[in-house]
């Protein structure tokens, strides 16, 4: 990263959809996996069912994740996956934070 890029940090460029503890945690988990089910995300993120659901919905509405809902042995199972748009948004988010952290 050049000195010019480091000095061009603008906090308003940080993605507000990702910039939440729980949504950032969800995105961080999903970036390294093909997909994850609700209970796995819940255990990793350490959120309540309701809180996790709200944040997953926000990410899904933004097009950053997709969901698949199915029934297994008559029990609902929701699986989540990062979309290409979500991957690009997460990478850009990390780049913006690097500019902030590495700024001299």
PDB file of N, CA and C in Angstrom:
ATOM      1  N   UNK A   1       0.839  -1.168   0.000  1.00  0.00           N
ATOM      2  CA  UNK A   1       0.000   0.000   0.000  1.00  0.00           C
ATOM      3  C   UNK A   1       0.887   1.236   0.000  1.00  0.00           C
ATOM      4  N   UNK A   2       0.595   2.172  -0.889  1.00  0.00           N
ATOM      5  CA  UNK A   2       1.410   3.371  -0.987  1.00  0.00           C
ATOM      6  C   UNK A   2       1.038   4.354   0.118  1.00  0.00           C
ATOM      7  N   UNK A   3       1.935   5.346   0.358  1.00  0.00           N
ATOM      8  CA  UNK A   3       1.636   6.364   1.366  1.00  0.00           C
ATOM      9  C   UNK A   3       0.389   7.146   0.998  1.00  0.00           C
ATOM     10  N   UNK A   4       0.177   7.366  -0.292  1.00  0.00           N
ATOM     11  CA  UNK A   4      -1.008   8.090  -0.753  1.00  0.00           C
ATOM     12  C   UNK A   4      -2.283   7.324  -0.397  1.00  0.00           C
ATOM     13  N   UNK A   5      -2.267   6.001  -0.585  1.00  0.00           N
ATOM     14  CA  UNK A   5      -3.434   5.182  -0.250  1.00  0.00           C
ATOM     15  C   UNK A   5      -3.699   5.188   1.253  1.00  0.00           C
ATOM     16  N   UNK A   6      -2.637   5.155   2.048  1.00  0.00           N
ATOM     17  CA  UNK A   6      -2.786   5.184   3.500  1.00  0.00           C
ATOM     18  C   UNK A   6      -3.412   6.498   3.950  1.00  0.00           C
ATOM     19  N   UNK A   7      -3.033   7.591   3.315  1.00  0.00           N
ATOM     20  CA  UNK A   7      -3.528   8.905   3.710  1.00  0.00           C
ATOM     21  C   UNK A   7      -4.930   9.189   3.188  1.00  0.00           C
ATOM     22  N   UNK A   8      -5.462   8.343   2.297  1.00  0.00           N
ATOM     23  CA  UNK A   8      -6.788   8.555   1.730  1.00  0.00           C
ATOM     24  C   UNK A   8      -7.894   7.865   2.521  1.00  0.00           C
ATOM     25  N   UNK A   9      -7.635   7.466   3.734  1.00  0.00           N
ATOM     26  CA  UNK A   9      -8.650   6.776   4.511  1.00  0.00           C
ATOM     27  C   UNK A   9      -9.801   7.722   4.835  1.00  0.00           C
ATOM     28  N   UNK A  10     -11.010   7.266   4.579  1.00  0.00           N
ATOM     29  CA  UNK A  10     -12.214   8.016   4.916  1.00  0.00           C
ATOM     30  C   UNK A  10     -13.143   7.056   5.644  1.00  0.00           C
ATOM     31  N   UNK A  11     -13.368   7.310   6.918  1.00  0.00           N
ATOM     32  CA  UNK A  11     -14.178   6.382   7.713  1.00  0.00           C
ATOM     33  C   UNK A  11     -15.581   6.201   7.138  1.00  0.00           C
ATOM     34  N   UNK A  12     -16.056   7.144   6.344  1.00  0.00           N
ATOM     35  CA  UNK A  12     -17.388   7.021   5.763  1.00  0.00           C
ATOM     36  C   UNK A  12     -17.447   5.964   4.662  1.00  0.00           C
ATOM     37  N   UNK A  13     -16.297   5.473   4.237  1.00  0.00           N
ATOM     38  CA  UNK A  13     -16.253   4.406   3.232  1.00  0.00           C
ATOM     39  C   UNK A  13     -16.414   3.021   3.845  1.00  0.00           C
ATOM     40  N   UNK A  14     -16.427   2.937   5.171  1.00  0.00           N
ATOM     41  CA  UNK A  14     -16.604   1.643   5.826  1.00  0.00           C
ATOM     42  C   UNK A  14     -18.061   1.209   5.650  1.00  0.00           C
ATOM     43  N   UNK A  15     -18.238  -0.014   5.250  1.00  0.00           N
ATOM     44  CA  UNK A  15     -19.563  -0.574   4.974  1.00  0.00           C
ATOM     45  C   UNK A  15     -20.354  -0.725   6.276  1.00  0.00           C
ATOM     46  N   UNK A  16     -21.421   0.053   6.401  1.00  0.00           N
ATOM     47  CA  UNK A  16     -22.246   0.019   7.616  1.00  0.00           C
ATOM     48  C   UNK A  16     -22.967  -1.307   7.802  1.00  0.00           C
ATOM     49  N   UNK A  17     -23.229  -2.011   6.724  1.00  0.00           N
ATOM     50  CA  UNK A  17     -23.907  -3.300   6.852  1.00  0.00           C
ATOM     51  C   UNK A  17     -22.994  -4.292   7.570  1.00  0.00           C
ATOM     52  N   UNK A  18     -21.727  -4.300   7.227  1.00  0.00           N
ATOM     53  CA  UNK A  18     -20.779  -5.232   7.843  1.00  0.00           C
ATOM     54  C   UNK A  18     -20.299  -4.723   9.203  1.00  0.00           C
ATOM     55  N   UNK A  19     -20.233  -3.415   9.364  1.00  0.00           N
ATOM     56  CA  UNK A  19     -19.609  -2.818  10.548  1.00  0.00           C
ATOM     57  C   UNK A  19     -20.512  -2.887  11.782  1.00  0.00           C
ATOM     58  N   UNK A  20     -20.739  -4.081  12.214  1.00  0.00           N
ATOM     59  CA  UNK A  20     -21.471  -4.396  13.447  1.00  0.00           C
ATOM     60  C   UNK A  20     -20.783  -5.632  13.992  1.00  0.00           C
ATOM     61  N   UNK A  21     -20.656  -5.747  15.265  1.00  0.00           N
ATOM     62  CA  UNK A  21     -19.923  -6.885  15.838  1.00  0.00           C
ATOM     63  C   UNK A  21     -20.461  -8.215  15.348  1.00  0.00           C
ATOM     64  N   UNK A  22     -21.763  -8.383  15.405  1.00  0.00           N
ATOM     65  CA  UNK A  22     -22.337  -9.677  15.041  1.00  0.00           C
ATOM     66  C   UNK A  22     -22.249  -9.909  13.536  1.00  0.00           C
ATOM     67  N   UNK A  23     -22.576  -8.900  12.730  1.00  0.00           N
ATOM     68  CA  UNK A  23     -22.493  -9.090  11.276  1.00  0.00           C
ATOM     69  C   UNK A  23     -21.051  -9.305  10.826  1.00  0.00           C
ATOM     70  N   UNK A  24     -20.111  -8.603  11.437  1.00  0.00           N
ATOM     71  CA  UNK A  24     -18.704  -8.818  11.118  1.00  0.00           C
ATOM     72  C   UNK A  24     -18.288 -10.241  11.494  1.00  0.00           C
ATOM     73  N   UNK A  25     -18.748 -10.720  12.628  1.00  0.00           N
ATOM     74  CA  UNK A  25     -18.436 -12.097  13.048  1.00  0.00           C
ATOM     75  C   UNK A  25     -19.034 -13.110  12.075  1.00  0.00           C
ATOM     76  N   UNK A  26     -20.275 -12.887  11.661  1.00  0.00           N
ATOM     77  CA  UNK A  26     -20.921 -13.788  10.692  1.00  0.00           C
ATOM     78  C   UNK A  26     -20.114 -13.825   9.398  1.00  0.00           C
ATOM     79  N   UNK A  27     -19.782 -12.656   8.892  1.00  0.00           N
ATOM     80  CA  UNK A  27     -19.026 -12.583   7.635  1.00  0.00           C
ATOM     81  C   UNK A  27     -17.654 -13.238   7.793  1.00  0.00           C
ATOM     82  N   UNK A  28     -17.020 -13.053   8.932  1.00  0.00           N
ATOM     83  CA  UNK A  28     -15.704 -13.646   9.177  1.00  0.00           C
ATOM     84  C   UNK A  28     -15.760 -15.165   9.201  1.00  0.00           C
ATOM     85  N   UNK A  29     -16.832 -15.708   9.746  1.00  0.00           N
ATOM     86  CA  UNK A  29     -17.004 -17.161   9.754  1.00  0.00           C
ATOM     87  C   UNK A  29     -17.265 -17.662   8.336  1.00  0.00           C
ATOM     88  N   UNK A  30     -18.174 -17.005   7.635  1.00  0.00           N
ATOM     89  CA  UNK A  30     -18.583 -17.489   6.311  1.00  0.00           C
ATOM     90  C   UNK A  30     -17.509 -17.311   5.238  1.00  0.00           C
ATOM     91  N   UNK A  31     -16.589 -16.377   5.421  1.00  0.00           N
ATOM     92  CA  UNK A  31     -15.557 -16.129   4.398  1.00  0.00           C
ATOM     93  C   UNK A  31     -14.677 -17.367   4.193  1.00  0.00           C
ATOM     94  N   UNK A  32     -14.554 -18.190   5.228  1.00  0.00           N
ATOM     95  CA  UNK A  32     -13.667 -19.354   5.130  1.00  0.00           C
ATOM     96  C   UNK A  32     -14.403 -20.678   4.938  1.00  0.00           C
ATOM     97  N   UNK A  33     -15.727 -20.628   4.831  1.00  0.00           N
ATOM     98  CA  UNK A  33     -16.511 -21.854   4.694  1.00  0.00           C
ATOM     99  C   UNK A  33     -17.364 -21.811   3.432  1.00  0.00           C
ATOM    100  N   UNK A  34     -17.709 -22.977   2.927  1.00  0.00           N
ATOM    101  CA  UNK A  34     -18.655 -23.028   1.811  1.00  0.00           C
ATOM    102  C   UNK A  34     -20.031 -22.585   2.287  1.00  0.00           C
ATOM    103  N   UNK A  35     -20.440 -23.081   3.445  1.00  0.00           N
ATOM    104  CA  UNK A  35     -21.720 -22.722   4.030  1.00  0.00           C
ATOM    105  C   UNK A  35     -21.720 -23.122   5.497  1.00  0.00           C
ATOM    106  N   UNK A  36     -22.672 -22.565   6.240  1.00  0.00           N
ATOM    107  CA  UNK A  36     -22.788 -22.896   7.657  1.00  0.00           C
ATOM    108  C   UNK A  36     -24.254 -22.836   8.042  1.00  0.00           C
ATOM    109  N   UNK A  37     -24.662 -23.736   8.935  1.00  0.00           N
ATOM    110  CA  UNK A  37     -26.056 -23.713   9.358  1.00  0.00           C
ATOM    111  C   UNK A  37     -26.224 -22.751  10.545  1.00  0.00           C
ATOM    112  N   UNK A  38     -27.468 -22.461  10.832  1.00  0.00           N
ATOM    113  CA  UNK A  38     -27.821 -21.483  11.858  1.00  0.00           C
ATOM    114  C   UNK A  38     -27.175 -21.820  13.200  1.00  0.00           C
ATOM    115  N   UNK A  39     -27.271 -23.072  13.622  1.00  0.00           N
ATOM    116  CA  UNK A  39     -26.742 -23.448  14.936  1.00  0.00           C
ATOM    117  C   UNK A  39     -25.228 -23.325  15.005  1.00  0.00           C
ATOM    118  N   UNK A  40     -24.537 -23.620  13.898  1.00  0.00           N
ATOM    119  CA  UNK A  40     -23.086 -23.461  13.869  1.00  0.00           C
ATOM    120  C   UNK A  40     -22.734 -21.978  14.015  1.00  0.00           C
ATOM    121  N   UNK A  41     -23.425 -21.127  13.253  1.00  0.00           N
ATOM    122  CA  UNK A  41     -23.169 -19.685  13.349  1.00  0.00           C
ATOM    123  C   UNK A  41     -23.484 -19.174  14.754  1.00  0.00           C
ATOM    124  N   UNK A  42     -24.566 -19.663  15.303  1.00  0.00           N
ATOM    125  CA  UNK A  42     -24.958 -19.244  16.651  1.00  0.00           C
ATOM    126  C   UNK A  42     -23.864 -19.578  17.660  1.00  0.00           C
ATOM    127  N   UNK A  43     -23.284 -20.758  17.549  1.00  0.00           N
ATOM    128  CA  UNK A  43     -22.233 -21.151  18.490  1.00  0.00           C
ATOM    129  C   UNK A  43     -20.956 -20.344  18.274  1.00  0.00           C
ATOM    130  N   UNK A  44     -20.632 -20.045  17.030  1.00  0.00           N
ATOM    131  CA  UNK A  44     -19.411 -19.274  16.735  1.00  0.00           C
ATOM    132  C   UNK A  44     -19.550 -17.807  17.117  1.00  0.00           C
ATOM    133  N   UNK A  45     -20.720 -17.245  16.838  1.00  0.00           N
ATOM    134  CA  UNK A  45     -20.945 -15.816  17.060  1.00  0.00           C
ATOM    135  C   UNK A  45     -21.358 -15.534  18.508  1.00  0.00           C
ATOM    136  N   UNK A  46     -21.895 -16.562  19.167  1.00  0.00           N
ATOM    137  CA  UNK A  46     -22.350 -16.436  20.553  1.00  0.00           C
ATOM    138  C   UNK A  46     -23.455 -15.382  20.670  1.00  0.00           C
ATOM    139  N   UNK A  47     -24.486 -15.556  19.827  1.00  0.00           N
ATOM    140  CA  UNK A  47     -25.634 -14.654  19.834  1.00  0.00           C
ATOM    141  C   UNK A  47     -26.895 -15.455  20.139  1.00  0.00           C
ATOM    142  N   UNK A  48     -27.927 -14.759  20.563  1.00  0.00           N
ATOM    143  CA  UNK A  48     -29.212 -15.416  20.780  1.00  0.00           C
ATOM    144  C   UNK A  48     -29.848 -15.705  19.422  1.00  0.00           C
ATOM    145  N   UNK A  49     -30.825 -16.586  19.407  1.00  0.00           N
ATOM    146  CA  UNK A  49     -31.529 -16.913  18.163  1.00  0.00           C
ATOM    147  C   UNK A  49     -32.092 -15.658  17.502  1.00  0.00           C
ATOM    148  N   UNK A  50     -32.804 -14.857  18.280  1.00  0.00           N
ATOM    149  CA  UNK A  50     -33.439 -13.657  17.734  1.00  0.00           C
ATOM    150  C   UNK A  50     -32.437 -12.650  17.206  1.00  0.00           C
ATOM    151  N   UNK A  51     -31.398 -12.410  17.972  1.00  0.00           N
ATOM    152  CA  UNK A  51     -30.380 -11.445  17.563  1.00  0.00           C
ATOM    153  C   UNK A  51     -29.667 -11.909  16.297  1.00  0.00           C
ATOM    154  N   UNK A  52     -29.293 -13.169  16.256  1.00  0.00           N
ATOM    155  CA  UNK A  52     -28.628 -13.716  15.080  1.00  0.00           C
ATOM    156  C   UNK A  52     -29.541 -13.620  13.856  1.00  0.00           C
ATOM    157  N   UNK A  53     -30.810 -13.952  14.029  1.00  0.00           N
ATOM    158  CA  UNK A  53     -31.765 -13.902  12.921  1.00  0.00           C
ATOM    159  C   UNK A  53     -31.857 -12.507  12.310  1.00  0.00           C
ATOM    160  N   UNK A  54     -31.915 -11.496  13.169  1.00  0.00           N
ATOM    161  CA  UNK A  54     -32.008 -10.113  12.700  1.00  0.00           C
ATOM    162  C   UNK A  54     -30.784  -9.744  11.864  1.00  0.00           C
ATOM    163  N   UNK A  55     -29.602 -10.118  12.336  1.00  0.00           N
ATOM    164  CA  UNK A  55     -28.371  -9.773  11.621  1.00  0.00           C
ATOM    165  C   UNK A  55     -28.220 -10.573  10.330  1.00  0.00           C
ATOM    166  N   UNK A  56     -28.619 -11.821  10.341  1.00  0.00           N
ATOM    167  CA  UNK A  56     -28.586 -12.620   9.112  1.00  0.00           C
ATOM    168  C   UNK A  56     -29.518 -12.022   8.067  1.00  0.00           C
ATOM    169  N   UNK A  57     -30.682 -11.579   8.495  1.00  0.00           N
ATOM    170  CA  UNK A  57     -31.652 -10.967   7.574  1.00  0.00           C
ATOM    171  C   UNK A  57     -31.079  -9.699   6.954  1.00  0.00           C
ATOM    172  N   UNK A  58     -30.414  -8.901   7.746  1.00  0.00           N
ATOM    173  CA  UNK A  58     -29.823  -7.655   7.235  1.00  0.00           C
ATOM    174  C   UNK A  58     -28.753  -7.968   6.185  1.00  0.00           C
ATOM    175  N   UNK A  59     -27.921  -8.964   6.446  1.00  0.00           N
ATOM    176  CA  UNK A  59     -26.896  -9.360   5.479  1.00  0.00           C
ATOM    177  C   UNK A  59     -27.533  -9.939   4.213  1.00  0.00           C
ATOM    178  N   UNK A  60     -28.609 -10.690   4.395  1.00  0.00           N
ATOM    179  CA  UNK A  60     -29.296 -11.277   3.245  1.00  0.00           C
ATOM    180  C   UNK A  60     -29.982 -10.183   2.416  1.00  0.00           C
ATOM    181  N   UNK A  61     -30.605  -9.232   3.065  1.00  0.00           N
ATOM    182  CA  UNK A  61     -31.249  -8.118   2.358  1.00  0.00           C
ATOM    183  C   UNK A  61     -30.246  -7.300   1.545  1.00  0.00           C
ATOM    184  N   UNK A  62     -29.015  -7.212   2.045  1.00  0.00           N
ATOM    185  CA  UNK A  62     -27.961  -6.483   1.328  1.00  0.00           C
ATOM    186  C   UNK A  62     -27.381  -7.305   0.178  1.00  0.00           C
ATOM    187  N   UNK A  63     -27.741  -8.579   0.122  1.00  0.00           N
ATOM    188  CA  UNK A  63     -27.211  -9.453  -0.927  1.00  0.00           C
ATOM    189  C   UNK A  63     -25.845 -10.020  -0.603  1.00  0.00           C
ATOM    190  N   UNK A  64     -25.429  -9.919   0.659  1.00  0.00           N
ATOM    191  CA  UNK A  64     -24.104 -10.391   1.062  1.00  0.00           C
ATOM    192  C   UNK A  64     -24.088 -11.877   1.387  1.00  0.00           C
ATOM    193  N   UNK A  65     -25.232 -12.416   1.794  1.00  0.00           N
ATOM    194  CA  UNK A  65     -25.338 -13.845   2.049  1.00  0.00           C
ATOM    195  C   UNK A  65     -26.613 -14.367   1.400  1.00  0.00           C
ATOM    196  N   UNK A  66     -26.633 -15.657   1.171  1.00  0.00           N
ATOM    197  CA  UNK A  66     -27.860 -16.307   0.703  1.00  0.00           C
ATOM    198  C   UNK A  66     -28.208 -17.385   1.716  1.00  0.00           C
ATOM    199  N   UNK A  67     -29.482 -17.751   1.729  1.00  0.00           N
ATOM    200  CA  UNK A  67     -29.910 -18.783   2.671  1.00  0.00           C
ATOM    201  C   UNK A  67     -30.675 -19.871   1.938  1.00  0.00           C
ATOM    202  N   UNK A  68     -30.620 -21.035   2.531  1.00  0.00           N
ATOM    203  CA  UNK A  68     -31.387 -22.179   2.030  1.00  0.00           C
ATOM    204  C   UNK A  68     -32.093 -22.780   3.234  1.00  0.00           C
ATOM    205  N   UNK A  69     -33.389 -22.934   3.111  1.00  0.00           N
ATOM    206  CA  UNK A  69     -34.171 -23.489   4.208  1.00  0.00           C
ATOM    207  C   UNK A  69     -34.750 -24.826   3.764  1.00  0.00           C
ATOM    208  N   UNK A  70     -34.615 -25.825   4.626  1.00  0.00           N
ATOM    209  CA  UNK A  70     -35.122 -27.152   4.317  1.00  0.00           C
ATOM    210  C   UNK A  70     -35.558 -27.825   5.618  1.00  0.00           C
ATOM    211  N   UNK A  71     -36.221 -28.938   5.475  1.00  0.00           N
ATOM    212  CA  UNK A  71     -36.624 -29.722   6.637  1.00  0.00           C
ATOM    213  C   UNK A  71     -35.880 -31.050   6.610  1.00  0.00           C
ATOM    214  N   UNK A  72     -35.305 -31.401   7.753  1.00  0.00           N
ATOM    215  CA  UNK A  72     -34.620 -32.674   7.906  1.00  0.00           C
ATOM    216  C   UNK A  72     -35.263 -33.355   9.111  1.00  0.00           C
ATOM    217  N   UNK A  73     -35.835 -34.524   8.859  1.00  0.00           N
ATOM    218  CA  UNK A  73     -36.594 -35.228   9.912  1.00  0.00           C
ATOM    219  C   UNK A  73     -37.628 -34.306  10.557  1.00  0.00           C
ATOM    220  N   UNK A  74     -38.343 -33.594   9.719  1.00  0.00           N
ATOM    221  CA  UNK A  74     -39.409 -32.668  10.125  1.00  0.00           C
ATOM    222  C   UNK A  74     -38.930 -31.497  10.976  1.00  0.00           C
ATOM    223  N   UNK A  75     -37.622 -31.258  10.999  1.00  0.00           N
ATOM    224  CA  UNK A  75     -37.079 -30.113  11.726  1.00  0.00           C
ATOM    225  C   UNK A  75     -36.513 -29.119  10.708  1.00  0.00           C
ATOM    226  N   UNK A  76     -36.798 -27.840  10.900  1.00  0.00           N
ATOM    227  CA  UNK A  76     -36.273 -26.850   9.958  1.00  0.00           C
ATOM    228  C   UNK A  76     -34.757 -26.697  10.099  1.00  0.00           C
ATOM    229  N   UNK A  77     -34.104 -26.519   8.977  1.00  0.00           N
ATOM    230  CA  UNK A  77     -32.660 -26.272   8.972  1.00  0.00           C
ATOM    231  C   UNK A  77     -32.379 -25.149   7.982  1.00  0.00           C
ATOM    232  N   UNK A  78     -31.721 -24.102   8.461  1.00  0.00           N
ATOM    233  CA  UNK A  78     -31.342 -22.965   7.623  1.00  0.00           C
ATOM    234  C   UNK A  78     -29.836 -22.975   7.453  1.00  0.00           C
ATOM    235  N   UNK A  79     -29.420 -22.845   6.203  1.00  0.00           N
ATOM    236  CA  UNK A  79     -28.000 -22.837   5.875  1.00  0.00           C
ATOM    237  C   UNK A  79     -27.684 -21.522   5.168  1.00  0.00           C
ATOM    238  N   UNK A  80     -26.537 -20.956   5.487  1.00  0.00           N
ATOM    239  CA  UNK A  80     -26.149 -19.648   4.960  1.00  0.00           C
ATOM    240  C   UNK A  80     -24.819 -19.742   4.243  1.00  0.00           C
ATOM    241  N   UNK A  81     -24.684 -18.884   3.239  1.00  0.00           N
ATOM    242  CA  UNK A  81     -23.495 -18.906   2.400  1.00  0.00           C
ATOM    243  C   UNK A  81     -23.201 -17.483   1.944  1.00  0.00           C
ATOM    244  N   UNK A  82     -21.931 -17.158   1.843  1.00  0.00           N
ATOM    245  CA  UNK A  82     -21.510 -15.852   1.355  1.00  0.00           C
ATOM    246  C   UNK A  82     -21.743 -15.791  -0.151  1.00  0.00           C
ATOM    247  N   UNK A  83     -22.259 -14.684  -0.648  1.00  0.00           N
ATOM    248  CA  UNK A  83     -22.424 -14.497  -2.095  1.00  0.00           C
ATOM    249  C   UNK A  83     -21.164 -13.848  -2.654  1.00  0.00           C
ATOM    250  N   UNK A  84     -21.052 -13.795  -3.962  1.00  0.00           N
ATOM    251  CA  UNK A  84     -19.906 -13.119  -4.589  1.00  0.00           C
ATOM    252  C   UNK A  84     -19.897 -11.642  -4.181  1.00  0.00           C
ATOM    253  N   UNK A  85     -21.070 -11.035  -4.140  1.00  0.00           N
ATOM    254  CA  UNK A  85     -21.175  -9.636  -3.711  1.00  0.00           C
ATOM    255  C   UNK A  85     -20.702  -9.490  -2.267  1.00  0.00           C
ATOM    256  N   UNK A  86     -21.074 -10.433  -1.415  1.00  0.00           N
ATOM    257  CA  UNK A  86     -20.656 -10.405  -0.019  1.00  0.00           C
ATOM    258  C   UNK A  86     -19.162 -10.571   0.141  1.00  0.00           C
ATOM    259  N   UNK A  87     -18.578 -11.446  -0.651  1.00  0.00           N
ATOM    260  CA  UNK A  87     -17.127 -11.652  -0.615  1.00  0.00           C
ATOM    261  C   UNK A  87     -16.396 -10.363  -1.000  1.00  0.00           C
ATOM    262  N   UNK A  88     -16.864  -9.716  -2.078  1.00  0.00           N
ATOM    263  CA  UNK A  88     -16.236  -8.450  -2.519  1.00  0.00           C
ATOM    264  C   UNK A  88     -16.395  -7.376  -1.445  1.00  0.00           C
ATOM    265  N   UNK A  89     -17.588  -7.294  -0.853  1.00  0.00           N
ATOM    266  CA  UNK A  89     -17.840  -6.291   0.190  1.00  0.00           C
ATOM    267  C   UNK A  89     -16.948  -6.527   1.402  1.00  0.00           C
ATOM    268  N   UNK A  90     -16.780  -7.783   1.794  1.00  0.00           N
ATOM    269  CA  UNK A  90     -15.942  -8.106   2.947  1.00  0.00           C
ATOM    270  C   UNK A  90     -14.483  -7.763   2.654  1.00  0.00           C
ATOM    271  N   UNK A  91     -14.020  -8.106   1.465  1.00  0.00           N
ATOM    272  CA  UNK A  91     -12.631  -7.786   1.094  1.00  0.00           C
ATOM    273  C   UNK A  91     -12.405  -6.278   1.088  1.00  0.00           C
ATOM    274  N   UNK A  92     -13.368  -5.528   0.569  1.00  0.00           N
ATOM    275  CA  UNK A  92     -13.252  -4.060   0.562  1.00  0.00           C
ATOM    276  C   UNK A  92     -13.267  -3.521   1.995  1.00  0.00           C
ATOM    277  N   UNK A  93     -14.106  -4.096   2.845  1.00  0.00           N
ATOM    278  CA  UNK A  93     -14.185  -3.691   4.244  1.00  0.00           C
ATOM    279  C   UNK A  93     -12.824  -3.875   4.928  1.00  0.00           C
ATOM    280  N   UNK A  94     -12.217  -5.026   4.711  1.00  0.00           N
ATOM    281  CA  UNK A  94     -10.912  -5.315   5.307  1.00  0.00           C
ATOM    282  C   UNK A  94      -9.862  -4.331   4.776  1.00  0.00           C
ATOM    283  N   UNK A  95      -9.895  -4.046   3.481  1.00  0.00           N
ATOM    284  CA  UNK A  95      -8.961  -3.075   2.897  1.00  0.00           C
ATOM    285  C   UNK A  95      -9.127  -1.704   3.550  1.00  0.00           C
ATOM    286  N   UNK A  96     -10.373  -1.282   3.763  1.00  0.00           N
ATOM    287  CA  UNK A  96     -10.618   0.010   4.409  1.00  0.00           C
ATOM    288  C   UNK A  96     -10.061   0.029   5.834  1.00  0.00           C
ATOM    289  N   UNK A  97     -10.245  -1.055   6.570  1.00  0.00           N
ATOM    290  CA  UNK A  97      -9.700  -1.112   7.925  1.00  0.00           C
ATOM    291  C   UNK A  97      -8.177  -1.090   7.910  1.00  0.00           C
ATOM    292  N   UNK A  98      -7.591  -1.780   6.940  1.00  0.00           N
ATOM    293  CA  UNK A  98      -6.126  -1.759   6.827  1.00  0.00           C
ATOM    294  C   UNK A  98      -5.626  -0.340   6.587  1.00  0.00           C
ATOM    295  N   UNK A  99      -6.330   0.417   5.769  1.00  0.00           N
ATOM    296  CA  UNK A  99      -5.925   1.803   5.529  1.00  0.00           C
ATOM    297  C   UNK A  99      -5.962   2.588   6.820  1.00  0.00           C
ATOM    298  N   UNK A 100      -6.966   2.339   7.617  1.00  0.00           N
ATOM    299  CA  UNK A 100      -7.097   3.036   8.896  1.00  0.00           C
ATOM    300  C   UNK A 100      -6.007   2.615   9.875  1.00  0.00           C
ATOM    301  N   UNK A 101      -5.778   1.318   9.997  1.00  0.00           N
ATOM    302  CA  UNK A 101      -4.812   0.793  10.952  1.00  0.00           C
ATOM    303  C   UNK A 101      -3.389   1.123  10.540  1.00  0.00           C
ATOM    304  N   UNK A 102      -3.107   1.064   9.257  1.00  0.00           N
ATOM    305  CA  UNK A 102      -1.744   1.286   8.785  1.00  0.00           C
ATOM    306  C   UNK A 102      -1.431   2.755   8.519  1.00  0.00           C
ATOM    307  N   UNK A 103      -2.406   3.626   8.718  1.00  0.00           N
ATOM    308  CA  UNK A 103      -2.196   5.055   8.488  1.00  0.00           C
ATOM    309  C   UNK A 103      -1.166   5.570   9.477  1.00  0.00           C
ATOM    310  N   UNK A 104      -0.228   6.347   8.958  1.00  0.00           N
ATOM    311  CA  UNK A 104       0.817   6.898   9.827  1.00  0.00           C
ATOM    312  C   UNK A 104       0.476   8.290  10.265  1.00  0.00           C
TER     313      UNK A 104
END
